């Protein structure tokens, strides 16, 4: 696999996940906190944290 294609696909996925987290928080009137940034950096781990982290 081409490393540039892999990095581009990873970047696109992480940005999409972060947009989803921010959009979901906006639609449900929930404070997203730092989860969009964590999701942007860590991808699926941040997405899972947003949905399963209990304050």
Protein backbone atom coordinates (compact mmCIF):
# COMPACT_ATOMS: atom_id res chain seq x y z
CA UNK A 1 0.00 0.00 0.00
CA UNK A 2 1.21 3.47 -0.83
CA UNK A 3 2.03 5.35 2.39
CA UNK A 4 0.74 8.67 1.02
CA UNK A 5 -2.62 7.11 0.15
CA UNK A 6 -2.82 5.51 3.59
CA UNK A 7 -2.05 8.79 5.38
CA UNK A 8 -4.55 10.67 3.23
CA UNK A 9 -7.29 8.10 3.91
CA UNK A 10 -6.51 8.22 7.64
CA UNK A 11 -6.66 12.03 7.63
CA UNK A 12 -9.98 12.04 5.79
CA UNK A 13 -11.45 9.45 8.18
CA UNK A 14 -10.33 11.31 11.30
CA UNK A 15 -11.66 14.64 10.02
CA UNK A 16 -14.95 12.94 9.16
CA UNK A 17 -15.18 11.40 12.63
CA UNK A 18 -14.45 14.78 14.26
CA UNK A 19 -17.11 16.49 12.14
CA UNK A 20 -19.57 13.74 13.10
CA UNK A 21 -18.84 14.20 16.82
CA UNK A 22 -19.25 17.98 16.60
CA UNK A 23 -22.43 17.62 14.52
CA UNK A 24 -23.93 15.05 16.85
CA UNK A 25 -23.22 17.23 19.87
CA UNK A 26 -24.82 20.21 18.15
CA UNK A 27 -27.93 18.27 17.11
CA UNK A 28 -28.44 16.78 20.57
CA UNK A 29 -27.64 20.03 22.42
CA UNK A 30 -24.76 18.30 24.18
CA UNK A 31 -21.43 19.91 25.00
CA UNK A 32 -18.82 18.12 22.89
CA UNK A 33 -16.01 19.37 25.12
CA UNK A 34 -12.61 18.37 23.77
CA UNK A 35 -13.90 15.22 22.07
CA UNK A 36 -13.77 16.59 18.50
CA UNK A 37 -10.08 17.42 19.00
CA UNK A 38 -9.37 14.06 20.61
CA UNK A 39 -11.22 12.34 17.77
CA UNK A 40 -9.23 14.32 15.21
CA UNK A 41 -6.01 13.15 16.84
CA UNK A 42 -6.93 9.57 17.78
CA UNK A 43 -9.75 8.60 15.41
CA UNK A 44 -11.88 5.71 16.60
CA UNK A 45 -10.64 5.97 20.18
CA UNK A 46 -11.92 9.54 20.41
CA UNK A 47 -15.20 8.59 18.80
CA UNK A 48 -15.69 5.77 21.30
CA UNK A 49 -14.70 8.06 24.15
CA UNK A 50 -17.30 10.64 23.12
CA UNK A 51 -20.10 8.08 23.19
CA UNK A 52 -19.03 5.97 26.18
CA UNK A 53 -17.23 8.39 28.52
CA UNK A 54 -19.37 9.12 31.56
CA UNK A 55 -18.62 12.29 33.54
